[in-house]
N, C-alpha and C. Protein backbone atom coordinates (compact mmCIF):
# COMPACT_ATOMS: atom_id res chain seq x y z
N UNK A 1 -19.59 20.37 -35.06
CA UNK A 1 -19.14 19.37 -35.76
C UNK A 1 -19.29 19.68 -37.60
N UNK A 2 -18.41 19.44 -38.20
CA UNK A 2 -18.23 19.74 -39.39
C UNK A 2 -19.20 18.89 -40.18
N UNK A 3 -20.04 19.61 -41.06
CA UNK A 3 -20.98 19.01 -42.22
C UNK A 3 -22.08 18.45 -41.35
N UNK A 4 -22.46 18.27 -40.09
CA UNK A 4 -23.47 17.58 -39.52
C UNK A 4 -24.41 18.60 -39.13
N UNK A 5 -25.36 18.28 -39.60
CA UNK A 5 -26.88 19.28 -39.28
C UNK A 5 -27.58 18.72 -37.95
N UNK A 6 -27.79 19.49 -36.90
CA UNK A 6 -28.36 18.94 -35.81
C UNK A 6 -29.74 19.31 -35.56
N UNK A 7 -30.56 18.41 -36.00
CA UNK A 7 -32.13 18.65 -36.02
C UNK A 7 -32.73 18.96 -34.67
N UNK A 8 -32.24 18.17 -33.61
CA UNK A 8 -32.72 18.32 -32.32
C UNK A 8 -31.79 17.78 -31.66
N UNK A 9 -31.94 18.17 -30.07
CA UNK A 9 -30.86 17.35 -29.11
C UNK A 9 -31.56 17.56 -27.76
N UNK A 10 -31.67 16.67 -26.91
CA UNK A 10 -32.30 16.43 -25.65
C UNK A 10 -31.41 15.88 -24.73
N UNK A 11 -31.08 16.40 -23.69
CA UNK A 11 -30.42 15.56 -22.43
C UNK A 11 -31.27 15.03 -21.99
N UNK A 12 -31.18 13.46 -21.83
CA UNK A 12 -31.80 12.44 -20.99
C UNK A 12 -31.52 12.03 -19.75
N UNK A 13 -30.24 12.62 -19.37
CA UNK A 13 -29.71 11.80 -17.95
C UNK A 13 -28.49 12.87 -17.80
N UNK A 14 -28.11 13.37 -16.39
CA UNK A 14 -27.32 14.02 -16.12
C UNK A 14 -26.71 13.63 -14.72
N UNK A 15 -25.40 13.48 -14.99
CA UNK A 15 -24.58 13.15 -13.79
C UNK A 15 -23.74 13.72 -13.23
N UNK A 16 -22.74 13.27 -12.53
CA UNK A 16 -21.73 14.09 -11.53
C UNK A 16 -20.61 13.76 -12.85
N UNK A 17 -20.32 12.59 -13.72
CA UNK A 17 -19.10 12.63 -14.90
C UNK A 17 -19.55 12.74 -15.74
N UNK A 18 -20.71 12.52 -16.08
CA UNK A 18 -21.27 12.90 -17.68
C UNK A 18 -22.48 12.95 -17.52
N UNK A 19 -23.13 13.50 -19.23
CA UNK A 19 -24.33 13.48 -19.29
C UNK A 19 -24.84 12.70 -20.42
N UNK A 20 -25.83 12.03 -20.90
CA UNK A 20 -26.38 11.68 -21.78
C UNK A 20 -27.53 12.21 -22.59
N UNK A 21 -26.96 12.49 -23.82
CA UNK A 21 -28.26 13.35 -24.60
C UNK A 21 -28.61 12.26 -26.05
N UNK A 22 -29.73 12.79 -26.67
CA UNK A 22 -30.17 12.07 -27.76
C UNK A 22 -30.41 12.91 -28.71
N UNK A 23 -29.56 13.15 -30.33
CA UNK A 23 -29.47 13.87 -30.93
C UNK A 23 -30.31 13.22 -32.09
N UNK A 24 -31.05 14.06 -33.15
CA UNK A 24 -31.63 13.98 -34.43
C UNK A 24 -30.50 14.54 -35.25
N UNK A 25 -29.92 13.78 -36.16
CA UNK A 25 -29.15 14.64 -36.97
C UNK A 25 -29.48 14.00 -38.56
N UNK A 26 -28.25 15.00 -39.55
CA UNK A 26 -28.27 14.32 -40.49
C UNK A 26 -26.64 14.87 -40.91
N UNK A 27 -26.31 13.66 -41.00
CA UNK A 27 -24.73 13.18 -41.24
C UNK A 27 -24.37 13.73 -42.65
N UNK A 28 -23.16 13.78 -42.57
CA UNK A 28 -22.55 13.96 -43.96
C UNK A 28 -22.89 13.00 -45.09
N UNK A 29 -23.17 13.48 -46.21
CA UNK A 29 -23.96 12.37 -47.05
C UNK A 29 -25.41 12.30 -46.88
N UNK A 30 -25.70 12.80 -46.23
CA UNK A 30 -27.38 13.08 -46.31
C UNK A 30 -28.09 12.22 -45.32
N UNK A 31 -27.53 11.06 -44.54
CA UNK A 31 -28.30 10.19 -43.59
C UNK A 31 -28.86 10.81 -42.67
N UNK A 32 -30.11 10.21 -42.15
CA UNK A 32 -30.60 11.20 -41.25
C UNK A 32 -30.62 9.98 -39.97
N UNK A 33 -30.20 10.46 -38.89
CA UNK A 33 -29.98 9.06 -37.79
C UNK A 33 -30.52 9.85 -36.49
N UNK A 34 -30.48 9.06 -35.64
CA UNK A 34 -30.94 9.43 -34.21
C UNK A 34 -29.62 8.65 -33.22
N UNK A 35 -28.85 9.65 -32.76
CA UNK A 35 -27.74 9.25 -31.96
C UNK A 35 -27.73 9.54 -30.49
N UNK A 36 -27.66 8.54 -30.01
CA UNK A 36 -27.08 8.81 -28.15
C UNK A 36 -25.93 9.01 -27.85
N UNK A 37 -25.65 10.07 -27.13
CA UNK A 37 -24.09 10.36 -27.09
C UNK A 37 -23.76 10.94 -25.65
N UNK A 38 -22.84 10.07 -25.07
CA UNK A 38 -22.38 10.37 -23.66
C UNK A 38 -21.56 11.58 -23.86
N UNK A 39 -21.61 12.61 -23.23
CA UNK A 39 -21.00 13.31 -23.27
C UNK A 39 -19.96 13.45 -21.91
N UNK A 40 -18.93 13.54 -22.17
CA UNK A 40 -17.75 13.64 -21.03
C UNK A 40 -16.90 14.65 -21.40
N UNK A 41 -16.44 15.22 -20.28
CA UNK A 41 -15.23 16.39 -20.48
C UNK A 41 -13.86 15.88 -20.70
N UNK A 42 -13.64 14.68 -20.55
CA UNK A 42 -12.16 13.93 -21.07
C UNK A 42 -11.69 13.92 -19.92
N UNK A 43 -10.68 13.05 -20.11
CA UNK A 43 -9.84 12.25 -18.80
C UNK A 43 -8.34 12.41 -19.04
N UNK A 44 -7.42 12.11 -18.16
CA UNK A 44 -6.09 12.08 -18.10
C UNK A 44 -5.91 10.42 -17.44
N UNK A 45 -4.78 10.06 -18.38
CA UNK A 45 -4.29 8.93 -17.94
C UNK A 45 -2.78 8.96 -17.25
N UNK A 46 -2.06 8.62 -16.46
CA UNK A 46 -0.76 8.88 -16.21
C UNK A 46 0.13 7.78 -16.17
N UNK A 47 1.18 7.86 -16.81
CA UNK A 47 2.17 6.74 -16.80
C UNK A 47 3.38 7.25 -16.21
N UNK A 48 3.33 6.88 -15.02
CA UNK A 48 4.70 6.97 -13.92
C UNK A 48 5.90 6.19 -14.27
N UNK A 49 6.94 6.80 -14.42
CA UNK A 49 8.18 6.09 -14.50
C UNK A 49 9.10 6.36 -13.58
N UNK A 50 9.69 5.37 -12.63
CA UNK A 50 10.17 5.58 -11.81
C UNK A 50 11.98 5.46 -12.15
N UNK A 51 13.00 6.34 -11.52
CA UNK A 51 14.41 6.39 -12.18
C UNK A 51 14.80 4.87 -12.61
N UNK A 52 14.45 4.08 -12.05
CA UNK A 52 15.05 2.61 -12.25
C UNK A 52 14.24 1.97 -13.42
N UNK A 53 13.06 2.61 -14.04
CA UNK A 53 12.58 2.43 -15.14
C UNK A 53 11.32 1.57 -14.85
N UNK A 54 10.79 0.93 -13.83
CA UNK A 54 9.76 0.38 -13.29
C UNK A 54 8.61 1.71 -13.67
N UNK A 55 7.57 0.99 -13.97
CA UNK A 55 6.12 1.93 -14.42
C UNK A 55 5.18 1.40 -13.36
N UNK A 56 4.56 2.81 -12.75
CA UNK A 56 3.71 2.47 -11.28
C UNK A 56 2.41 2.26 -11.85
N UNK A 57 1.31 1.34 -11.01
CA UNK A 57 0.58 1.03 -11.65
C UNK A 57 -0.43 1.05 -10.24
N UNK A 58 -1.97 1.32 -10.11
CA UNK A 58 -2.77 1.27 -9.28
C UNK A 58 -3.66 -0.08 -9.28
N UNK A 59 -4.01 -0.55 -8.17
CA UNK A 59 -5.18 -1.66 -8.20
C UNK A 59 -6.19 -1.07 -7.38
N UNK A 60 -7.39 -1.26 -8.17
CA UNK A 60 -8.63 -0.97 -7.47
C UNK A 60 -9.82 -1.53 -7.92
N UNK A 61 -10.66 -1.81 -7.08
CA UNK A 61 -12.17 -2.47 -7.09
C UNK A 61 -12.97 -1.38 -8.32
N UNK A 62 -13.38 -2.18 -9.11
CA UNK A 62 -14.27 -1.28 -10.55
C UNK A 62 -15.34 -2.17 -10.24
N UNK A 63 -16.40 -1.48 -9.76
CA UNK A 63 -17.82 -1.95 -9.46
C UNK A 63 -18.47 -2.49 -11.01
N UNK A 64 -18.29 -1.65 -12.35
CA UNK A 64 -19.07 -1.96 -13.46
C UNK A 64 -18.35 -3.12 -13.82
N UNK A 65 -17.36 -3.65 -13.38
CA UNK A 65 -16.82 -5.12 -13.99
C UNK A 65 -16.87 -6.03 -12.95
N UNK A 66 -17.18 -5.75 -11.65
CA UNK A 66 -16.86 -6.50 -10.37
C UNK A 66 -15.75 -7.13 -10.31
N UNK A 67 -14.76 -6.41 -10.61
CA UNK A 67 -13.24 -6.80 -10.28
C UNK A 67 -12.39 -5.75 -9.55
N UNK A 68 -11.55 -6.42 -9.15
CA UNK A 68 -10.10 -5.63 -8.72
C UNK A 68 -9.27 -5.54 -10.42
N UNK A 69 -8.75 -4.17 -10.61
CA UNK A 69 -8.07 -4.36 -11.56
C UNK A 69 -6.81 -3.47 -11.95
N UNK A 70 -5.62 -3.55 -12.15
CA UNK A 70 -4.38 -3.27 -12.37
C UNK A 70 -4.57 -2.07 -13.56
N UNK A 71 -4.24 -0.94 -13.13
CA UNK A 71 -4.16 0.38 -14.09
C UNK A 71 -3.65 1.31 -14.02
N UNK A 72 -3.11 2.17 -14.91
CA UNK A 72 -2.37 3.25 -14.92
C UNK A 72 -3.42 4.26 -14.04
N UNK A 73 -2.74 5.48 -13.21
CA UNK A 73 -3.60 6.15 -12.67
C UNK A 73 -4.27 7.08 -13.62
N UNK A 74 -5.33 7.57 -13.07
CA UNK A 74 -6.26 8.23 -14.21
C UNK A 74 -7.32 9.09 -13.29
N UNK A 75 -7.92 9.81 -14.24
CA UNK A 75 -9.09 10.69 -13.72
C UNK A 75 -9.65 11.77 -14.64
N UNK A 76 -11.02 12.05 -14.24
CA UNK A 76 -11.23 12.97 -15.30
C UNK A 76 -11.19 14.19 -15.13
N UNK A 77 -11.40 15.16 -16.24
CA UNK A 77 -11.01 16.33 -16.46
C UNK A 77 -12.02 17.35 -15.66
N UNK A 78 -11.86 18.06 -14.97
CA UNK A 78 -12.99 19.27 -14.43
C UNK A 78 -13.69 20.16 -15.88
N UNK A 79 -14.58 20.61 -15.74
CA UNK A 79 -14.82 21.40 -17.11
C UNK A 79 -13.84 22.74 -17.09
N UNK A 80 -13.33 22.63 -18.51
CA UNK A 80 -12.37 23.91 -18.50
C UNK A 80 -10.62 23.54 -17.99
N UNK A 81 -10.63 22.42 -17.64
CA UNK A 81 -9.43 21.92 -16.90
C UNK A 81 -8.33 21.56 -18.03
N UNK A 82 -6.99 21.55 -18.02
CA UNK A 82 -6.17 21.33 -18.67
C UNK A 82 -5.64 20.28 -18.32
N UNK A 83 -5.04 18.79 -19.27
CA UNK A 83 -4.61 17.78 -18.81
C UNK A 83 -3.36 17.91 -17.78
N UNK A 84 -2.52 18.65 -18.33
CA UNK A 84 -1.24 18.90 -16.99
C UNK A 84 -1.51 19.11 -15.91
N UNK A 85 -2.27 19.93 -15.59
CA UNK A 85 -2.70 20.28 -13.96
C UNK A 85 -3.48 18.88 -13.38
N UNK A 86 -4.50 18.30 -14.29
CA UNK A 86 -5.08 17.51 -14.07
C UNK A 86 -4.48 16.16 -13.81
N UNK A 87 -3.70 15.94 -14.64
CA UNK A 87 -2.63 14.76 -14.32
C UNK A 87 -1.79 14.76 -13.10
N UNK A 88 -1.18 16.28 -12.63
CA UNK A 88 -0.69 16.34 -11.80
C UNK A 88 -1.47 16.07 -10.24
N UNK A 89 -2.89 16.54 -10.28
CA UNK A 89 -3.44 16.02 -9.35
C UNK A 89 -3.73 14.79 -8.98
N UNK A 90 -4.14 14.03 -10.23
CA UNK A 90 -4.38 12.68 -10.28
C UNK A 90 -3.40 11.65 -9.73
N UNK A 91 -2.46 12.07 -10.34
CA UNK A 91 -0.92 11.14 -9.72
C UNK A 91 -0.64 11.57 -8.55
N UNK A 92 -0.97 12.36 -7.76
CA UNK A 92 -0.86 12.88 -6.28
C UNK A 92 -1.81 11.97 -5.51
N UNK A 93 -3.05 12.26 -6.13
CA UNK A 93 -4.24 11.72 -5.18
C UNK A 93 -4.22 10.09 -5.19
N UNK A 94 -3.62 9.57 -6.09
CA UNK A 94 -3.89 7.94 -6.17
C UNK A 94 -2.86 7.29 -6.11
N UNK A 95 -1.43 8.01 -6.14
CA UNK A 95 -0.21 7.33 -5.96
C UNK A 95 0.75 7.88 -4.93
N UNK A 96 0.38 9.21 -4.48
CA UNK A 96 1.47 9.86 -3.42
C UNK A 96 2.54 10.71 -4.33
N UNK A 97 2.69 10.13 -5.31
CA UNK A 97 4.04 10.73 -6.05
C UNK A 97 3.60 12.25 -6.96
N UNK A 98 4.49 12.94 -7.09
CA UNK A 98 4.50 14.21 -7.51
C UNK A 98 5.62 14.27 -8.75
N UNK A 99 5.48 14.54 -9.85
CA UNK A 99 6.26 14.72 -11.19
C UNK A 99 7.13 15.84 -11.32
N UNK A 100 8.55 15.71 -11.38
CA UNK A 100 9.17 16.89 -12.02
C UNK A 100 9.01 17.38 -13.36
N UNK A 101 8.64 16.35 -14.14
CA UNK A 101 8.41 16.37 -15.46
C UNK A 101 7.20 15.68 -15.93
N UNK A 102 6.21 16.15 -16.46
CA UNK A 102 4.97 15.81 -17.21
C UNK A 102 4.81 16.22 -18.59
N UNK A 103 4.64 15.13 -19.42
CA UNK A 103 4.25 15.89 -20.95
C UNK A 103 3.43 14.80 -21.50
N UNK A 104 2.81 15.24 -22.63
CA UNK A 104 1.55 14.50 -23.09
C UNK A 104 2.44 13.47 -24.07
N UNK A 105 1.79 12.40 -24.15
CA UNK A 105 2.58 11.25 -24.95
C UNK A 105 1.76 11.23 -26.34
N UNK A 106 0.28 11.25 -26.06
CA UNK A 106 -0.70 11.08 -27.11
C UNK A 106 -2.14 11.13 -26.63
N UNK A 107 -3.11 11.52 -27.29
CA UNK A 107 -4.68 11.25 -26.89
C UNK A 107 -5.48 10.28 -27.90
N UNK A 108 -6.29 9.90 -27.41
CA UNK A 108 -7.44 8.85 -28.10
C UNK A 108 -8.72 8.99 -27.65
N UNK A 109 -9.65 8.53 -28.31
CA UNK A 109 -10.91 8.58 -27.90
C UNK A 109 -11.21 6.98 -27.93
N UNK A 110 -11.74 6.55 -26.35
CA UNK A 110 -11.72 4.99 -26.14
C UNK A 110 -13.03 4.70 -27.01
N UNK A 111 -14.22 5.06 -27.13
CA UNK A 111 -15.50 4.65 -27.72
C UNK A 111 -15.81 5.54 -28.36
N UNK A 112 -15.31 6.05 -29.69
CA UNK A 112 -15.91 7.25 -30.46
C UNK A 112 -17.09 7.05 -31.22
N UNK A 113 -17.89 5.86 -31.30
CA UNK A 113 -19.01 5.75 -31.46
C UNK A 113 -20.42 6.33 -30.63
N UNK A 114 -20.13 6.59 -29.50
CA UNK A 114 -21.10 7.17 -28.84
C UNK A 114 -20.76 7.95 -27.68
N UNK A 115 -19.43 8.17 -27.25
CA UNK A 115 -18.71 8.82 -26.22
C UNK A 115 -17.69 9.96 -26.73
N UNK A 116 -18.06 11.13 -25.96
CA UNK A 116 -16.98 12.27 -26.38
C UNK A 116 -16.10 12.38 -25.88
N UNK A 117 -15.52 11.46 -25.02
CA UNK A 117 -14.45 11.58 -24.13
C UNK A 117 -13.28 11.41 -25.04
N UNK A 118 -12.23 12.30 -24.56
CA UNK A 118 -11.20 11.81 -25.27
C UNK A 118 -9.69 12.03 -23.99
N UNK A 119 -9.15 10.98 -24.04
CA UNK A 119 -8.12 10.69 -23.15
C UNK A 119 -6.90 11.11 -23.50
N UNK A 120 -6.25 11.88 -22.64
CA UNK A 120 -4.66 12.28 -22.64
C UNK A 120 -3.80 11.50 -22.01
N UNK A 121 -3.02 10.81 -22.59
CA UNK A 121 -2.28 9.83 -21.88
C UNK A 121 -0.59 10.64 -21.58
N UNK A 122 -0.33 10.86 -20.05
CA UNK A 122 0.93 11.69 -19.80
C UNK A 122 1.90 10.81 -19.47
N UNK A 123 2.98 11.24 -19.68
CA UNK A 123 4.18 10.61 -19.11
C UNK A 123 4.67 11.53 -17.86
N UNK A 124 5.11 10.87 -17.07
CA UNK A 124 5.32 11.28 -15.26
C UNK A 124 6.76 10.70 -15.13
N UNK A 125 7.58 11.47 -14.94
CA UNK A 125 9.12 11.34 -14.31
C UNK A 125 9.88 12.50 -13.52
N UNK A 126 10.72 11.75 -12.97
CA UNK A 126 11.30 12.95 -11.95
C UNK A 126 10.27 12.65 -10.67
N UNK A 127 10.09 11.40 -10.37
CA UNK A 127 8.95 11.51 -9.40
C UNK A 127 9.71 11.21 -7.82
N UNK A 128 8.73 11.87 -7.03
CA UNK A 128 9.08 12.16 -5.55
C UNK A 128 7.90 11.47 -5.10
N UNK A 129 8.37 10.55 -3.93
CA UNK A 129 7.34 9.65 -3.44
C UNK A 129 6.95 10.69 -2.29
N UNK A 130 5.62 10.54 -1.94
CA UNK A 130 4.85 11.07 -0.97
C UNK A 130 3.55 10.17 -0.56
N UNK A 131 2.51 11.06 0.07
CA UNK A 131 1.68 10.31 0.90
C UNK A 131 0.38 10.19 -0.11
N UNK A 132 -0.30 9.08 -0.58
CA UNK A 132 -1.44 9.08 -1.32
C UNK A 132 -2.58 10.08 -0.70
N UNK A 133 -3.59 10.28 -1.56
CA UNK A 133 -4.47 11.35 -1.06
C UNK A 133 -6.10 10.85 -1.89
N UNK A 134 -6.35 9.57 -1.78
CA UNK A 134 -7.17 8.93 -2.68
C UNK A 134 -8.75 9.61 -2.18
N UNK A 135 -9.76 9.65 -3.04
CA UNK A 135 -10.90 10.40 -2.65
C UNK A 135 -11.52 9.12 -1.62
N UNK A 136 -12.73 10.05 -1.01
CA UNK A 136 -13.19 9.04 0.13
C UNK A 136 -13.77 7.68 -0.21
N UNK A 137 -14.36 7.51 -1.38
CA UNK A 137 -14.73 6.36 -1.93
C UNK A 137 -13.61 5.48 -2.89
N UNK A 138 -12.45 5.91 -2.74
CA UNK A 138 -11.39 4.93 -3.49
C UNK A 138 -10.59 4.25 -2.47
N UNK A 139 -10.20 3.10 -2.54
CA UNK A 139 -9.16 2.26 -1.72
C UNK A 139 -8.08 1.90 -2.90
N UNK A 140 -6.98 2.28 -2.86
CA UNK A 140 -6.33 2.06 -4.04
C UNK A 140 -4.87 1.47 -3.62
N UNK A 141 -4.50 0.46 -4.26
CA UNK A 141 -3.27 -0.17 -3.98
C UNK A 141 -2.15 0.26 -5.05
N UNK A 142 -0.71 0.72 -4.71
CA UNK A 142 -0.04 1.07 -5.50
C UNK A 142 1.27 0.06 -5.46
N UNK A 143 1.66 -0.18 -6.82
CA UNK A 143 2.60 -0.83 -6.93
C UNK A 143 3.58 -0.73 -8.21
N UNK A 144 4.88 -0.78 -8.37
CA UNK A 144 5.58 -0.69 -9.29
C UNK A 144 5.97 -1.87 -10.06
N UNK A 145 6.27 -1.95 -11.61
CA UNK A 145 6.46 -3.22 -12.13
C UNK A 145 7.25 -2.89 -13.16
N UNK A 146 8.55 -3.80 -13.14
CA UNK A 146 9.24 -3.84 -14.40
C UNK A 146 8.86 -3.81 -15.46
N UNK A 147 9.39 -3.50 -16.82
CA UNK A 147 8.71 -3.60 -18.27
C UNK A 147 8.12 -4.82 -18.78
N UNK A 148 9.51 -5.95 -18.15
CA UNK A 148 8.98 -7.45 -18.51
C UNK A 148 7.87 -7.77 -17.84
N UNK A 149 7.50 -7.42 -16.65
CA UNK A 149 6.34 -7.74 -16.03
C UNK A 149 5.20 -7.35 -16.55
N UNK A 150 5.22 -6.00 -17.03
CA UNK A 150 4.15 -5.51 -17.43
C UNK A 150 3.63 -6.13 -18.89
N UNK A 151 4.54 -6.56 -19.89
CA UNK A 151 4.54 -7.23 -20.93
C UNK A 151 3.69 -8.37 -20.72
N UNK A 152 4.00 -9.25 -19.82
CA UNK A 152 3.57 -10.41 -19.29
C UNK A 152 2.00 -10.16 -18.85
N UNK A 153 1.81 -9.32 -18.25
CA UNK A 153 0.83 -9.16 -17.27
C UNK A 153 -0.09 -8.79 -18.36
N UNK A 154 0.08 -8.02 -19.52
CA UNK A 154 -0.65 -7.62 -20.70
C UNK A 154 -1.16 -9.01 -21.49
N UNK A 155 -0.15 -9.49 -21.79
CA UNK A 155 -0.29 -10.99 -22.65
C UNK A 155 -1.08 -11.92 -21.96
N UNK A 156 -0.84 -12.03 -20.54
CA UNK A 156 -1.76 -13.28 -19.85
C UNK A 156 -3.12 -12.78 -19.34
N UNK A 157 -3.70 -11.56 -19.87
CA UNK A 157 -4.96 -10.78 -19.67
C UNK A 157 -5.00 -10.14 -18.26
N UNK A 158 -3.92 -10.16 -17.32
CA UNK A 158 -3.73 -9.88 -15.84
C UNK A 158 -4.28 -8.23 -16.13
N UNK A 159 -3.78 -7.60 -16.87
CA UNK A 159 -3.85 -6.15 -17.66
C UNK A 159 -4.91 -6.13 -18.22
N UNK A 160 -6.11 -5.68 -17.89
CA UNK A 160 -7.44 -5.70 -18.61
C UNK A 160 -7.87 -4.29 -19.07
N UNK A 161 -7.58 -3.31 -18.58
CA UNK A 161 -8.02 -2.07 -18.68
C UNK A 161 -7.39 -1.42 -19.90
N UNK A 162 -8.11 -1.16 -21.02
CA UNK A 162 -7.88 -0.70 -22.60
C UNK A 162 -7.01 0.69 -22.23
N UNK A 163 -7.06 1.59 -21.23
CA UNK A 163 -6.28 2.85 -21.66
C UNK A 163 -4.92 2.63 -20.94
N UNK A 164 -4.94 1.68 -20.02
CA UNK A 164 -3.68 1.31 -19.36
C UNK A 164 -2.95 0.23 -20.48
N UNK A 165 -3.49 -0.50 -21.19
CA UNK A 165 -2.94 -1.35 -22.30
C UNK A 165 -2.16 -0.30 -23.17
N UNK A 166 -3.08 0.56 -23.67
CA UNK A 166 -2.54 1.40 -24.94
C UNK A 166 -1.45 2.08 -24.33
N UNK A 167 -1.65 2.61 -23.13
CA UNK A 167 -0.43 3.86 -22.47
C UNK A 167 0.84 2.78 -22.43
N UNK A 168 0.94 1.83 -21.86
CA UNK A 168 2.00 1.06 -21.47
C UNK A 168 2.56 0.64 -22.89
N UNK A 169 1.69 -0.09 -23.96
CA UNK A 169 2.07 -0.34 -25.06
C UNK A 169 2.73 0.59 -25.78
N UNK A 170 2.06 1.65 -25.97
CA UNK A 170 2.70 3.21 -26.82
C UNK A 170 4.07 3.31 -26.17
N UNK A 171 3.98 3.53 -24.96
CA UNK A 171 5.26 4.05 -24.15
C UNK A 171 6.46 2.92 -24.38
N UNK A 172 6.01 1.58 -24.45
CA UNK A 172 7.19 0.51 -24.64
C UNK A 172 7.91 0.58 -26.27
N UNK A 173 6.73 0.86 -27.00
CA UNK A 173 7.05 0.69 -28.40
C UNK A 173 7.85 2.17 -29.03
N UNK A 174 7.36 3.19 -28.41
CA UNK A 174 7.64 4.69 -29.10
C UNK A 174 8.50 5.41 -28.24
N UNK A 175 8.77 4.88 -27.25
CA UNK A 175 9.60 5.99 -26.24
C UNK A 175 10.85 5.41 -26.29
N UNK A 176 11.91 6.30 -26.40
CA UNK A 176 13.55 6.08 -26.55
C UNK A 176 13.82 5.29 -25.10
N UNK A 177 14.60 4.11 -25.22
CA UNK A 177 15.06 3.57 -24.00
C UNK A 177 14.28 2.82 -23.27
N UNK A 178 12.99 2.81 -23.63
CA UNK A 178 11.92 1.89 -22.94
C UNK A 178 12.00 0.42 -22.92
């Protein structure tokens, strides 16, 4: 990190998907601070578009919220893994679709105050249907929605997942013909 001096760093928790560490730092400008940081390798969010323009979402139970949520398919990057191969893997696992074309739309930090995770939002097109291959602990419903339906679902709070709202609205606003 540019112009940040780390005085000490201690891993407080090691998990499967992330670690948590406590850092004593001196920030640019001289402010001394203690920061707790969730260290995450990053993730991919896939926006699959069918030939008729419908967008594929998945619905699954999210324990942390206690709800079933409609979302774009997504998954974490393995250490050293690149976004496009991870996107192909997650798309196939969660939806059964494979993509002829996959490209990065944009990147963002979902919670930059304490989380290192960078999300890579990918556009998947030229889709071929197949059998989903969810992980053992995943039960996923797959459904395609028209753009008008998605706008209404976001407006009414049916889609509550931030990465999905960001990806869908970005696509609808900036992608030609969307």
